[in-house]
């Protein structure tokens, strides 16, 4: 469960960074 939370947070931060940079 704790690993799943870390992975979800990593995915969310990654999406935010790509949105700011306008990249895929």
PDBML (XML) file of the C-alpha atoms, coordinates in Angstrom:
<?xml version="1.0" encoding="UTF-8" ?>
<PDBx:datablock datablockName="MODEL"
   xmlns:PDBx="http://pdbml.pdb.org/schema/pdbx-v50.xsd"
   xmlns:xsi="http://www.w3.org/2001/XMLSchema-instance"
   xsi:schemaLocation="http://pdbml.pdb.org/schema/pdbx-v50.xsd pdbx-v50.xsd">
   <PDBx:atom_siteCategory>
      <PDBx:atom_site id="1">
         <PDBx:B_iso_or_equiv>0.00</PDBx:B_iso_or_equiv>
         <PDBx:Cartn_x>0.000</PDBx:Cartn_x>
         <PDBx:Cartn_y>0.000</PDBx:Cartn_y>
         <PDBx:Cartn_z>0.000</PDBx:Cartn_z>
         <PDBx:auth_asym_id>A</PDBx:auth_asym_id>
         <PDBx:auth_atom_id>CA</PDBx:auth_atom_id>
         <PDBx:auth_comp_id>UNK</PDBx:auth_comp_id>
         <PDBx:auth_seq_id>1</PDBx:auth_seq_id>
         <PDBx:group_PDB>ATOM</PDBx:group_PDB>
         <PDBx:label_alt_id xsi:nil="true" />
         <PDBx:label_asym_id>A</PDBx:label_asym_id>
         <PDBx:label_atom_id>CA</PDBx:label_atom_id>
         <PDBx:label_comp_id>UNK</PDBx:label_comp_id>
         <PDBx:label_entity_id>1</PDBx:label_entity_id>
         <PDBx:label_seq_id>1</PDBx:label_seq_id>
         <PDBx:occupancy>1.00</PDBx:occupancy>
         <PDBx:pdbx_PDB_model_num>1</PDBx:pdbx_PDB_model_num>
         <PDBx:type_symbol>C</PDBx:type_symbol>
      </PDBx:atom_site>
      <PDBx:atom_site id="2">
         <PDBx:B_iso_or_equiv>0.00</PDBx:B_iso_or_equiv>
         <PDBx:Cartn_x>2.785</PDBx:Cartn_x>
         <PDBx:Cartn_y>2.420</PDBx:Cartn_y>
         <PDBx:Cartn_z>0.871</PDBx:Cartn_z>
         <PDBx:auth_asym_id>A</PDBx:auth_asym_id>
         <PDBx:auth_atom_id>CA</PDBx:auth_atom_id>
         <PDBx:auth_comp_id>UNK</PDBx:auth_comp_id>
         <PDBx:auth_seq_id>2</PDBx:auth_seq_id>
         <PDBx:group_PDB>ATOM</PDBx:group_PDB>
         <PDBx:label_alt_id xsi:nil="true" />
         <PDBx:label_asym_id>A</PDBx:label_asym_id>
         <PDBx:label_atom_id>CA</PDBx:label_atom_id>
         <PDBx:label_comp_id>UNK</PDBx:label_comp_id>
         <PDBx:label_entity_id>1</PDBx:label_entity_id>
         <PDBx:label_seq_id>2</PDBx:label_seq_id>
         <PDBx:occupancy>1.00</PDBx:occupancy>
         <PDBx:pdbx_PDB_model_num>1</PDBx:pdbx_PDB_model_num>
         <PDBx:type_symbol>C</PDBx:type_symbol>
      </PDBx:atom_site>
      <PDBx:atom_site id="3">
         <PDBx:B_iso_or_equiv>0.00</PDBx:B_iso_or_equiv>
         <PDBx:Cartn_x>4.663</PDBx:Cartn_x>
         <PDBx:Cartn_y>1.665</PDBx:Cartn_y>
         <PDBx:Cartn_z>-2.350</PDBx:Cartn_z>
         <PDBx:auth_asym_id>A</PDBx:auth_asym_id>
         <PDBx:auth_atom_id>CA</PDBx:auth_atom_id>
         <PDBx:auth_comp_id>UNK</PDBx:auth_comp_id>
         <PDBx:auth_seq_id>3</PDBx:auth_seq_id>
         <PDBx:group_PDB>ATOM</PDBx:group_PDB>
         <PDBx:label_alt_id xsi:nil="true" />
         <PDBx:label_asym_id>A</PDBx:label_asym_id>
         <PDBx:label_atom_id>CA</PDBx:label_atom_id>
         <PDBx:label_comp_id>UNK</PDBx:label_comp_id>
         <PDBx:label_entity_id>1</PDBx:label_entity_id>
         <PDBx:label_seq_id>3</PDBx:label_seq_id>
         <PDBx:occupancy>1.00</PDBx:occupancy>
         <PDBx:pdbx_PDB_model_num>1</PDBx:pdbx_PDB_model_num>
         <PDBx:type_symbol>C</PDBx:type_symbol>
      </PDBx:atom_site>
      <PDBx:atom_site id="4">
         <PDBx:B_iso_or_equiv>0.00</PDBx:B_iso_or_equiv>
         <PDBx:Cartn_x>1.438</PDBx:Cartn_x>
         <PDBx:Cartn_y>2.256</PDBx:Cartn_y>
         <PDBx:Cartn_z>-4.310</PDBx:Cartn_z>
         <PDBx:auth_asym_id>A</PDBx:auth_asym_id>
         <PDBx:auth_atom_id>CA</PDBx:auth_atom_id>
         <PDBx:auth_comp_id>UNK</PDBx:auth_comp_id>
         <PDBx:auth_seq_id>4</PDBx:auth_seq_id>
         <PDBx:group_PDB>ATOM</PDBx:group_PDB>
         <PDBx:label_alt_id xsi:nil="true" />
         <PDBx:label_asym_id>A</PDBx:label_asym_id>
         <PDBx:label_atom_id>CA</PDBx:label_atom_id>
         <PDBx:label_comp_id>UNK</PDBx:label_comp_id>
         <PDBx:label_entity_id>1</PDBx:label_entity_id>
         <PDBx:label_seq_id>4</PDBx:label_seq_id>
         <PDBx:occupancy>1.00</PDBx:occupancy>
         <PDBx:pdbx_PDB_model_num>1</PDBx:pdbx_PDB_model_num>
         <PDBx:type_symbol>C</PDBx:type_symbol>
      </PDBx:atom_site>
      <PDBx:atom_site id="5">
         <PDBx:B_iso_or_equiv>0.00</PDBx:B_iso_or_equiv>
         <PDBx:Cartn_x>1.124</PDBx:Cartn_x>
         <PDBx:Cartn_y>5.692</PDBx:Cartn_y>
         <PDBx:Cartn_z>-2.695</PDBx:Cartn_z>
         <PDBx:auth_asym_id>A</PDBx:auth_asym_id>
         <PDBx:auth_atom_id>CA</PDBx:auth_atom_id>
         <PDBx:auth_comp_id>UNK</PDBx:auth_comp_id>
         <PDBx:auth_seq_id>5</PDBx:auth_seq_id>
         <PDBx:group_PDB>ATOM</PDBx:group_PDB>
         <PDBx:label_alt_id xsi:nil="true" />
         <PDBx:label_asym_id>A</PDBx:label_asym_id>
         <PDBx:label_atom_id>CA</PDBx:label_atom_id>
         <PDBx:label_comp_id>UNK</PDBx:label_comp_id>
         <PDBx:label_entity_id>1</PDBx:label_entity_id>
         <PDBx:label_seq_id>5</PDBx:label_seq_id>
         <PDBx:occupancy>1.00</PDBx:occupancy>
         <PDBx:pdbx_PDB_model_num>1</PDBx:pdbx_PDB_model_num>
         <PDBx:type_symbol>C</PDBx:type_symbol>
      </PDBx:atom_site>
      <PDBx:atom_site id="6">
         <PDBx:B_iso_or_equiv>0.00</PDBx:B_iso_or_equiv>
         <PDBx:Cartn_x>4.684</PDBx:Cartn_x>
         <PDBx:Cartn_y>6.559</PDBx:Cartn_y>
         <PDBx:Cartn_z>-3.643</PDBx:Cartn_z>
         <PDBx:auth_asym_id>A</PDBx:auth_asym_id>
         <PDBx:auth_atom_id>CA</PDBx:auth_atom_id>
         <PDBx:auth_comp_id>UNK</PDBx:auth_comp_id>
         <PDBx:auth_seq_id>6</PDBx:auth_seq_id>
         <PDBx:group_PDB>ATOM</PDBx:group_PDB>
         <PDBx:label_alt_id xsi:nil="true" />
         <PDBx:label_asym_id>A</PDBx:label_asym_id>
         <PDBx:label_atom_id>CA</PDBx:label_atom_id>
         <PDBx:label_comp_id>UNK</PDBx:label_comp_id>
         <PDBx:label_entity_id>1</PDBx:label_entity_id>
         <PDBx:label_seq_id>6</PDBx:label_seq_id>
         <PDBx:occupancy>1.00</PDBx:occupancy>
         <PDBx:pdbx_PDB_model_num>1</PDBx:pdbx_PDB_model_num>
         <PDBx:type_symbol>C</PDBx:type_symbol>
      </PDBx:atom_site>
      <PDBx:atom_site id="7">
         <PDBx:B_iso_or_equiv>0.00</PDBx:B_iso_or_equiv>
         <PDBx:Cartn_x>4.118</PDBx:Cartn_x>
         <PDBx:Cartn_y>5.463</PDBx:Cartn_y>
         <PDBx:Cartn_z>-7.245</PDBx:Cartn_z>
         <PDBx:auth_asym_id>A</PDBx:auth_asym_id>
         <PDBx:auth_atom_id>CA</PDBx:auth_atom_id>
         <PDBx:auth_comp_id>UNK</PDBx:auth_comp_id>
         <PDBx:auth_seq_id>7</PDBx:auth_seq_id>
         <PDBx:group_PDB>ATOM</PDBx:group_PDB>
         <PDBx:label_alt_id xsi:nil="true" />
         <PDBx:label_asym_id>A</PDBx:label_asym_id>
         <PDBx:label_atom_id>CA</PDBx:label_atom_id>
         <PDBx:label_comp_id>UNK</PDBx:label_comp_id>
         <PDBx:label_entity_id>1</PDBx:label_entity_id>
         <PDBx:label_seq_id>7</PDBx:label_seq_id>
         <PDBx:occupancy>1.00</PDBx:occupancy>
         <PDBx:pdbx_PDB_model_num>1</PDBx:pdbx_PDB_model_num>
         <PDBx:type_symbol>C</PDBx:type_symbol>
      </PDBx:atom_site>
      <PDBx:atom_site id="8">
         <PDBx:B_iso_or_equiv>0.00</PDBx:B_iso_or_equiv>
         <PDBx:Cartn_x>0.871</PDBx:Cartn_x>
         <PDBx:Cartn_y>7.464</PDBx:Cartn_y>
         <PDBx:Cartn_z>-7.485</PDBx:Cartn_z>
         <PDBx:auth_asym_id>A</PDBx:auth_asym_id>
         <PDBx:auth_atom_id>CA</PDBx:auth_atom_id>
         <PDBx:auth_comp_id>UNK</PDBx:auth_comp_id>
         <PDBx:auth_seq_id>8</PDBx:auth_seq_id>
         <PDBx:group_PDB>ATOM</PDBx:group_PDB>
         <PDBx:label_alt_id xsi:nil="true" />
         <PDBx:label_asym_id>A</PDBx:label_asym_id>
         <PDBx:label_atom_id>CA</PDBx:label_atom_id>
         <PDBx:label_comp_id>UNK</PDBx:label_comp_id>
         <PDBx:label_entity_id>1</PDBx:label_entity_id>
         <PDBx:label_seq_id>8</PDBx:label_seq_id>
         <PDBx:occupancy>1.00</PDBx:occupancy>
         <PDBx:pdbx_PDB_model_num>1</PDBx:pdbx_PDB_model_num>
         <PDBx:type_symbol>C</PDBx:type_symbol>
      </PDBx:atom_site>
      <PDBx:atom_site id="9">
         <PDBx:B_iso_or_equiv>0.00</PDBx:B_iso_or_equiv>
         <PDBx:Cartn_x>2.665</PDBx:Cartn_x>
         <PDBx:Cartn_y>10.558</PDBx:Cartn_y>
         <PDBx:Cartn_z>-6.165</PDBx:Cartn_z>
         <PDBx:auth_asym_id>A</PDBx:auth_asym_id>
         <PDBx:auth_atom_id>CA</PDBx:auth_atom_id>
         <PDBx:auth_comp_id>UNK</PDBx:auth_comp_id>
         <PDBx:auth_seq_id>9</PDBx:auth_seq_id>
         <PDBx:group_PDB>ATOM</PDBx:group_PDB>
         <PDBx:label_alt_id xsi:nil="true" />
         <PDBx:label_asym_id>A</PDBx:label_asym_id>
         <PDBx:label_atom_id>CA</PDBx:label_atom_id>
         <PDBx:label_comp_id>UNK</PDBx:label_comp_id>
         <PDBx:label_entity_id>1</PDBx:label_entity_id>
         <PDBx:label_seq_id>9</PDBx:label_seq_id>
         <PDBx:occupancy>1.00</PDBx:occupancy>
         <PDBx:pdbx_PDB_model_num>1</PDBx:pdbx_PDB_model_num>
         <PDBx:type_symbol>C</PDBx:type_symbol>
      </PDBx:atom_site>
      <PDBx:atom_site id="10">
         <PDBx:B_iso_or_equiv>0.00</PDBx:B_iso_or_equiv>
         <PDBx:Cartn_x>5.522</PDBx:Cartn_x>
         <PDBx:Cartn_y>10.078</PDBx:Cartn_y>
         <PDBx:Cartn_z>-8.650</PDBx:Cartn_z>
         <PDBx:auth_asym_id>A</PDBx:auth_asym_id>
         <PDBx:auth_atom_id>CA</PDBx:auth_atom_id>
         <PDBx:auth_comp_id>UNK</PDBx:auth_comp_id>
         <PDBx:auth_seq_id>10</PDBx:auth_seq_id>
         <PDBx:group_PDB>ATOM</PDBx:group_PDB>
         <PDBx:label_alt_id xsi:nil="true" />
         <PDBx:label_asym_id>A</PDBx:label_asym_id>
         <PDBx:label_atom_id>CA</PDBx:label_atom_id>
         <PDBx:label_comp_id>UNK</PDBx:label_comp_id>
         <PDBx:label_entity_id>1</PDBx:label_entity_id>
         <PDBx:label_seq_id>10</PDBx:label_seq_id>
         <PDBx:occupancy>1.00</PDBx:occupancy>
         <PDBx:pdbx_PDB_model_num>1</PDBx:pdbx_PDB_model_num>
         <PDBx:type_symbol>C</PDBx:type_symbol>
      </PDBx:atom_site>
      <PDBx:atom_site id="11">
         <PDBx:B_iso_or_equiv>0.00</PDBx:B_iso_or_equiv>
         <PDBx:Cartn_x>3.030</PDBx:Cartn_x>
         <PDBx:Cartn_y>9.811</PDBx:Cartn_y>
         <PDBx:Cartn_z>-11.516</PDBx:Cartn_z>
         <PDBx:auth_asym_id>A</PDBx:auth_asym_id>
         <PDBx:auth_atom_id>CA</PDBx:auth_atom_id>
         <PDBx:auth_comp_id>UNK</PDBx:auth_comp_id>
         <PDBx:auth_seq_id>11</PDBx:auth_seq_id>
         <PDBx:group_PDB>ATOM</PDBx:group_PDB>
         <PDBx:label_alt_id xsi:nil="true" />
         <PDBx:label_asym_id>A</PDBx:label_asym_id>
         <PDBx:label_atom_id>CA</PDBx:label_atom_id>
         <PDBx:label_comp_id>UNK</PDBx:label_comp_id>
         <PDBx:label_entity_id>1</PDBx:label_entity_id>
         <PDBx:label_seq_id>11</PDBx:label_seq_id>
         <PDBx:occupancy>1.00</PDBx:occupancy>
         <PDBx:pdbx_PDB_model_num>1</PDBx:pdbx_PDB_model_num>
         <PDBx:type_symbol>C</PDBx:type_symbol>
      </PDBx:atom_site>
      <PDBx:atom_site id="12">
         <PDBx:B_iso_or_equiv>0.00</PDBx:B_iso_or_equiv>
         <PDBx:Cartn_x>1.189</PDBx:Cartn_x>
         <PDBx:Cartn_y>12.943</PDBx:Cartn_y>
         <PDBx:Cartn_z>-10.384</PDBx:Cartn_z>
         <PDBx:auth_asym_id>A</PDBx:auth_asym_id>
         <PDBx:auth_atom_id>CA</PDBx:auth_atom_id>
         <PDBx:auth_comp_id>UNK</PDBx:auth_comp_id>
         <PDBx:auth_seq_id>12</PDBx:auth_seq_id>
         <PDBx:group_PDB>ATOM</PDBx:group_PDB>
         <PDBx:label_alt_id xsi:nil="true" />
         <PDBx:label_asym_id>A</PDBx:label_asym_id>
         <PDBx:label_atom_id>CA</PDBx:label_atom_id>
         <PDBx:label_comp_id>UNK</PDBx:label_comp_id>
         <PDBx:label_entity_id>1</PDBx:label_entity_id>
         <PDBx:label_seq_id>12</PDBx:label_seq_id>
         <PDBx:occupancy>1.00</PDBx:occupancy>
         <PDBx:pdbx_PDB_model_num>1</PDBx:pdbx_PDB_model_num>
         <PDBx:type_symbol>C</PDBx:type_symbol>
      </PDBx:atom_site>
      <PDBx:atom_site id="13">
         <PDBx:B_iso_or_equiv>0.00</PDBx:B_iso_or_equiv>
         <PDBx:Cartn_x>4.369</PDBx:Cartn_x>
         <PDBx:Cartn_y>14.991</PDBx:Cartn_y>
         <PDBx:Cartn_z>-10.073</PDBx:Cartn_z>
         <PDBx:auth_asym_id>A</PDBx:auth_asym_id>
         <PDBx:auth_atom_id>CA</PDBx:auth_atom_id>
         <PDBx:auth_comp_id>UNK</PDBx:auth_comp_id>
         <PDBx:auth_seq_id>13</PDBx:auth_seq_id>
         <PDBx:group_PDB>ATOM</PDBx:group_PDB>
         <PDBx:label_alt_id xsi:nil="true" />
         <PDBx:label_asym_id>A</PDBx:label_asym_id>
         <PDBx:label_atom_id>CA</PDBx:label_atom_id>
         <PDBx:label_comp_id>UNK</PDBx:label_comp_id>
         <PDBx:label_entity_id>1</PDBx:label_entity_id>
         <PDBx:label_seq_id>13</PDBx:label_seq_id>
         <PDBx:occupancy>1.00</PDBx:occupancy>
         <PDBx:pdbx_PDB_model_num>1</PDBx:pdbx_PDB_model_num>
         <PDBx:type_symbol>C</PDBx:type_symbol>
      </PDBx:atom_site>
      <PDBx:atom_site id="14">
         <PDBx:B_iso_or_equiv>0.00</PDBx:B_iso_or_equiv>
         <PDBx:Cartn_x>5.531</PDBx:Cartn_x>
         <PDBx:Cartn_y>13.740</PDBx:Cartn_y>
         <PDBx:Cartn_z>-13.478</PDBx:Cartn_z>
         <PDBx:auth_asym_id>A</PDBx:auth_asym_id>
         <PDBx:auth_atom_id>CA</PDBx:auth_atom_id>
         <PDBx:auth_comp_id>UNK</PDBx:auth_comp_id>
         <PDBx:auth_seq_id>14</PDBx:auth_seq_id>
         <PDBx:group_PDB>ATOM</PDBx:group_PDB>
         <PDBx:label_alt_id xsi:nil="true" />
         <PDBx:label_asym_id>A</PDBx:label_asym_id>
         <PDBx:label_atom_id>CA</PDBx:label_atom_id>
         <PDBx:label_comp_id>UNK</PDBx:label_comp_id>
         <PDBx:label_entity_id>1</PDBx:label_entity_id>
         <PDBx:label_seq_id>14</PDBx:label_seq_id>
         <PDBx:occupancy>1.00</PDBx:occupancy>
         <PDBx:pdbx_PDB_model_num>1</PDBx:pdbx_PDB_model_num>
         <PDBx:type_symbol>C</PDBx:type_symbol>
      </PDBx:atom_site>
      <PDBx:atom_site id="15">
         <PDBx:B_iso_or_equiv>0.00</PDBx:B_iso_or_equiv>
         <PDBx:Cartn_x>2.254</PDBx:Cartn_x>
         <PDBx:Cartn_y>14.814</PDBx:Cartn_y>
         <PDBx:Cartn_z>-15.103</PDBx:Cartn_z>
         <PDBx:auth_asym_id>A</PDBx:auth_asym_id>
         <PDBx:auth_atom_id>CA</PDBx:auth_atom_id>
         <PDBx:auth_comp_id>UNK</PDBx:auth_comp_id>
         <PDBx:auth_seq_id>15</PDBx:auth_seq_id>
         <PDBx:group_PDB>ATOM</PDBx:group_PDB>
         <PDBx:label_alt_id xsi:nil="true" />
         <PDBx:label_asym_id>A</PDBx:label_asym_id>
         <PDBx:label_atom_id>CA</PDBx:label_atom_id>
         <PDBx:label_comp_id>UNK</PDBx:label_comp_id>
         <PDBx:label_entity_id>1</PDBx:label_entity_id>
         <PDBx:label_seq_id>15</PDBx:label_seq_id>
         <PDBx:occupancy>1.00</PDBx:occupancy>
         <PDBx:pdbx_PDB_model_num>1</PDBx:pdbx_PDB_model_num>
         <PDBx:type_symbol>C</PDBx:type_symbol>
      </PDBx:atom_site>
      <PDBx:atom_site id="16">
         <PDBx:B_iso_or_equiv>0.00</PDBx:B_iso_or_equiv>
         <PDBx:Cartn_x>2.527</PDBx:Cartn_x>
         <PDBx:Cartn_y>18.254</PDBx:Cartn_y>
         <PDBx:Cartn_z>-13.549</PDBx:Cartn_z>
         <PDBx:auth_asym_id>A</PDBx:auth_asym_id>
         <PDBx:auth_atom_id>CA</PDBx:auth_atom_id>
         <PDBx:auth_comp_id>UNK</PDBx:auth_comp_id>
         <PDBx:auth_seq_id>16</PDBx:auth_seq_id>
         <PDBx:group_PDB>ATOM</PDBx:group_PDB>
         <PDBx:label_alt_id xsi:nil="true" />
         <PDBx:label_asym_id>A</PDBx:label_asym_id>
         <PDBx:label_atom_id>CA</PDBx:label_atom_id>
         <PDBx:label_comp_id>UNK</PDBx:label_comp_id>
         <PDBx:label_entity_id>1</PDBx:label_entity_id>
         <PDBx:label_seq_id>16</PDBx:label_seq_id>
         <PDBx:occupancy>1.00</PDBx:occupancy>
         <PDBx:pdbx_PDB_model_num>1</PDBx:pdbx_PDB_model_num>
         <PDBx:type_symbol>C</PDBx:type_symbol>
      </PDBx:atom_site>
      <PDBx:atom_site id="17">
         <PDBx:B_iso_or_equiv>0.00</PDBx:B_iso_or_equiv>
         <PDBx:Cartn_x>6.109</PDBx:Cartn_x>
         <PDBx:Cartn_y>18.679</PDBx:Cartn_y>
         <PDBx:Cartn_z>-14.752</PDBx:Cartn_z>
         <PDBx:auth_asym_id>A</PDBx:auth_asym_id>
         <PDBx:auth_atom_id>CA</PDBx:auth_atom_id>
         <PDBx:auth_comp_id>UNK</PDBx:auth_comp_id>
         <PDBx:auth_seq_id>17</PDBx:auth_seq_id>
         <PDBx:group_PDB>ATOM</PDBx:group_PDB>
         <PDBx:label_alt_id xsi:nil="true" />
         <PDBx:label_asym_id>A</PDBx:label_asym_id>
         <PDBx:label_atom_id>CA</PDBx:label_atom_id>
         <PDBx:label_comp_id>UNK</PDBx:label_comp_id>
         <PDBx:label_entity_id>1</PDBx:label_entity_id>
         <PDBx:label_seq_id>17</PDBx:label_seq_id>
         <PDBx:occupancy>1.00</PDBx:occupancy>
         <PDBx:pdbx_PDB_model_num>1</PDBx:pdbx_PDB_model_num>
         <PDBx:type_symbol>C</PDBx:type_symbol>
      </PDBx:atom_site>
      <PDBx:atom_site id="18">
         <PDBx:B_iso_or_equiv>0.00</PDBx:B_iso_or_equiv>
         <PDBx:Cartn_x>5.217</PDBx:Cartn_x>
         <PDBx:Cartn_y>17.642</PDBx:Cartn_y>
         <PDBx:Cartn_z>-18.298</PDBx:Cartn_z>
         <PDBx:auth_asym_id>A</PDBx:auth_asym_id>
         <PDBx:auth_atom_id>CA</PDBx:auth_atom_id>
         <PDBx:auth_comp_id>UNK</PDBx:auth_comp_id>
         <PDBx:auth_seq_id>18</PDBx:auth_seq_id>
         <PDBx:group_PDB>ATOM</PDBx:group_PDB>
         <PDBx:label_alt_id xsi:nil="true" />
         <PDBx:label_asym_id>A</PDBx:label_asym_id>
         <PDBx:label_atom_id>CA</PDBx:label_atom_id>
         <PDBx:label_comp_id>UNK</PDBx:label_comp_id>
         <PDBx:label_entity_id>1</PDBx:label_entity_id>
         <PDBx:label_seq_id>18</PDBx:label_seq_id>
         <PDBx:occupancy>1.00</PDBx:occupancy>
         <PDBx:pdbx_PDB_model_num>1</PDBx:pdbx_PDB_model_num>
         <PDBx:type_symbol>C</PDBx:type_symbol>
      </PDBx:atom_site>
      <PDBx:atom_site id="19">
         <PDBx:B_iso_or_equiv>0.00</PDBx:B_iso_or_equiv>
         <PDBx:Cartn_x>2.226</PDBx:Cartn_x>
         <PDBx:Cartn_y>19.985</PDBx:Cartn_y>
         <PDBx:Cartn_z>-18.305</PDBx:Cartn_z>
         <PDBx:auth_asym_id>A</PDBx:auth_asym_id>
         <PDBx:auth_atom_id>CA</PDBx:auth_atom_id>
         <PDBx:auth_comp_id>UNK</PDBx:auth_comp_id>
         <PDBx:auth_seq_id>19</PDBx:auth_seq_id>
         <PDBx:group_PDB>ATOM</PDBx:group_PDB>
         <PDBx:label_alt_id xsi:nil="true" />
         <PDBx:label_asym_id>A</PDBx:label_asym_id>
         <PDBx:label_atom_id>CA</PDBx:label_atom_id>
         <PDBx:label_comp_id>UNK</PDBx:label_comp_id>
         <PDBx:label_entity_id>1</PDBx:label_entity_id>
         <PDBx:label_seq_id>19</PDBx:label_seq_id>
         <PDBx:occupancy>1.00</PDBx:occupancy>
         <PDBx:pdbx_PDB_model_num>1</PDBx:pdbx_PDB_model_num>
         <PDBx:type_symbol>C</PDBx:type_symbol>
      </PDBx:atom_site>
      <PDBx:atom_site id="20">
         <PDBx:B_iso_or_equiv>0.00</PDBx:B_iso_or_equiv>
         <PDBx:Cartn_x>4.459</PDBx:Cartn_x>
         <PDBx:Cartn_y>22.892</PDBx:Cartn_y>
         <PDBx:Cartn_z>-17.279</PDBx:Cartn_z>
         <PDBx:auth_asym_id>A</PDBx:auth_asym_id>
         <PDBx:auth_atom_id>CA</PDBx:auth_atom_id>
         <PDBx:auth_comp_id>UNK</PDBx:auth_comp_id>
         <PDBx:auth_seq_id>20</PDBx:auth_seq_id>
         <PDBx:group_PDB>ATOM</PDBx:group_PDB>
         <PDBx:label_alt_id xsi:nil="true" />
         <PDBx:label_asym_id>A</PDBx:label_asym_id>
         <PDBx:label_atom_id>CA</PDBx:label_atom_id>
         <PDBx:label_comp_id>UNK</PDBx:label_comp_id>
         <PDBx:label_entity_id>1</PDBx:label_entity_id>
         <PDBx:label_seq_id>20</PDBx:label_seq_id>
         <PDBx:occupancy>1.00</PDBx:occupancy>
         <PDBx:pdbx_PDB_model_num>1</PDBx:pdbx_PDB_model_num>
         <PDBx:type_symbol>C</PDBx:type_symbol>
      </PDBx:atom_site>
      <PDBx:atom_site id="21">
         <PDBx:B_iso_or_equiv>0.00</PDBx:B_iso_or_equiv>
         <PDBx:Cartn_x>7.035</PDBx:Cartn_x>
         <PDBx:Cartn_y>22.009</PDBx:Cartn_y>
         <PDBx:Cartn_z>-19.920</PDBx:Cartn_z>
         <PDBx:auth_asym_id>A</PDBx:auth_asym_id>
         <PDBx:auth_atom_id>CA</PDBx:auth_atom_id>
         <PDBx:auth_comp_id>UNK</PDBx:auth_comp_id>
         <PDBx:auth_seq_id>21</PDBx:auth_seq_id>
         <PDBx:group_PDB>ATOM</PDBx:group_PDB>
         <PDBx:label_alt_id xsi:nil="true" />
         <PDBx:label_asym_id>A</PDBx:label_asym_id>
         <PDBx:label_atom_id>CA</PDBx:label_atom_id>
         <PDBx:label_comp_id>UNK</PDBx:label_comp_id>
         <PDBx:label_entity_id>1</PDBx:label_entity_id>
         <PDBx:label_seq_id>21</PDBx:label_seq_id>
         <PDBx:occupancy>1.00</PDBx:occupancy>
         <PDBx:pdbx_PDB_model_num>1</PDBx:pdbx_PDB_model_num>
         <PDBx:type_symbol>C</PDBx:type_symbol>
      </PDBx:atom_site>
      <PDBx:atom_site id="22">
         <PDBx:B_iso_or_equiv>0.00</PDBx:B_iso_or_equiv>
         <PDBx:Cartn_x>4.466</PDBx:Cartn_x>
         <PDBx:Cartn_y>21.201</PDBx:Cartn_y>
         <PDBx:Cartn_z>-22.597</PDBx:Cartn_z>
         <PDBx:auth_asym_id>A</PDBx:auth_asym_id>
         <PDBx:auth_atom_id>CA</PDBx:auth_atom_id>
         <PDBx:auth_comp_id>UNK</PDBx:auth_comp_id>
         <PDBx:auth_seq_id>22</PDBx:auth_seq_id>
         <PDBx:group_PDB>ATOM</PDBx:group_PDB>
         <PDBx:label_alt_id xsi:nil="true" />
         <PDBx:label_asym_id>A</PDBx:label_asym_id>
         <PDBx:label_atom_id>CA</PDBx:label_atom_id>
         <PDBx:label_comp_id>UNK</PDBx:label_comp_id>
         <PDBx:label_entity_id>1</PDBx:label_entity_id>
         <PDBx:label_seq_id>22</PDBx:label_seq_id>
         <PDBx:occupancy>1.00</PDBx:occupancy>
         <PDBx:pdbx_PDB_model_num>1</PDBx:pdbx_PDB_model_num>
         <PDBx:type_symbol>C</PDBx:type_symbol>
      </PDBx:atom_site>
      <PDBx:atom_site id="23">
         <PDBx:B_iso_or_equiv>0.00</PDBx:B_iso_or_equiv>
         <PDBx:Cartn_x>6.127</PDBx:Cartn_x>
         <PDBx:Cartn_y>17.858</PDBx:Cartn_y>
         <PDBx:Cartn_z>-23.330</PDBx:Cartn_z>
         <PDBx:auth_asym_id>A</PDBx:auth_asym_id>
         <PDBx:auth_atom_id>CA</PDBx:auth_atom_id>
         <PDBx:auth_comp_id>UNK</PDBx:auth_comp_id>
         <PDBx:auth_seq_id>23</PDBx:auth_seq_id>
         <PDBx:group_PDB>ATOM</PDBx:group_PDB>
         <PDBx:label_alt_id xsi:nil="true" />
         <PDBx:label_asym_id>A</PDBx:label_asym_id>
         <PDBx:label_atom_id>CA</PDBx:label_atom_id>
         <PDBx:label_comp_id>UNK</PDBx:label_comp_id>
         <PDBx:label_entity_id>1</PDBx:label_entity_id>
         <PDBx:label_seq_id>23</PDBx:label_seq_id>
         <PDBx:occupancy>1.00</PDBx:occupancy>
         <PDBx:pdbx_PDB_model_num>1</PDBx:pdbx_PDB_model_num>
         <PDBx:type_symbol>C</PDBx:type_symbol>
      </PDBx:atom_site>
      <PDBx:atom_site id="24">
         <PDBx:B_iso_or_equiv>0.00</PDBx:B_iso_or_equiv>
         <PDBx:Cartn_x>5.201</PDBx:Cartn_x>
         <PDBx:Cartn_y>14.189</PDBx:Cartn_y>
         <PDBx:Cartn_z>-23.668</PDBx:Cartn_z>
         <PDBx:auth_asym_id>A</PDBx:auth_asym_id>
         <PDBx:auth_atom_id>CA</PDBx:auth_atom_id>
         <PDBx:auth_comp_id>UNK</PDBx:auth_comp_id>
         <PDBx:auth_seq_id>24</PDBx:auth_seq_id>
         <PDBx:group_PDB>ATOM</PDBx:group_PDB>
         <PDBx:label_alt_id xsi:nil="true" />
         <PDBx:label_asym_id>A</PDBx:label_asym_id>
         <PDBx:label_atom_id>CA</PDBx:label_atom_id>
         <PDBx:label_comp_id>UNK</PDBx:label_comp_id>
         <PDBx:label_entity_id>1</PDBx:label_entity_id>
         <PDBx:label_seq_id>24</PDBx:label_seq_id>
         <PDBx:occupancy>1.00</PDBx:occupancy>
         <PDBx:pdbx_PDB_model_num>1</PDBx:pdbx_PDB_model_num>
         <PDBx:type_symbol>C</PDBx:type_symbol>
      </PDBx:atom_site>
   </PDBx:atom_siteCategory>
</PDBx:datablock>
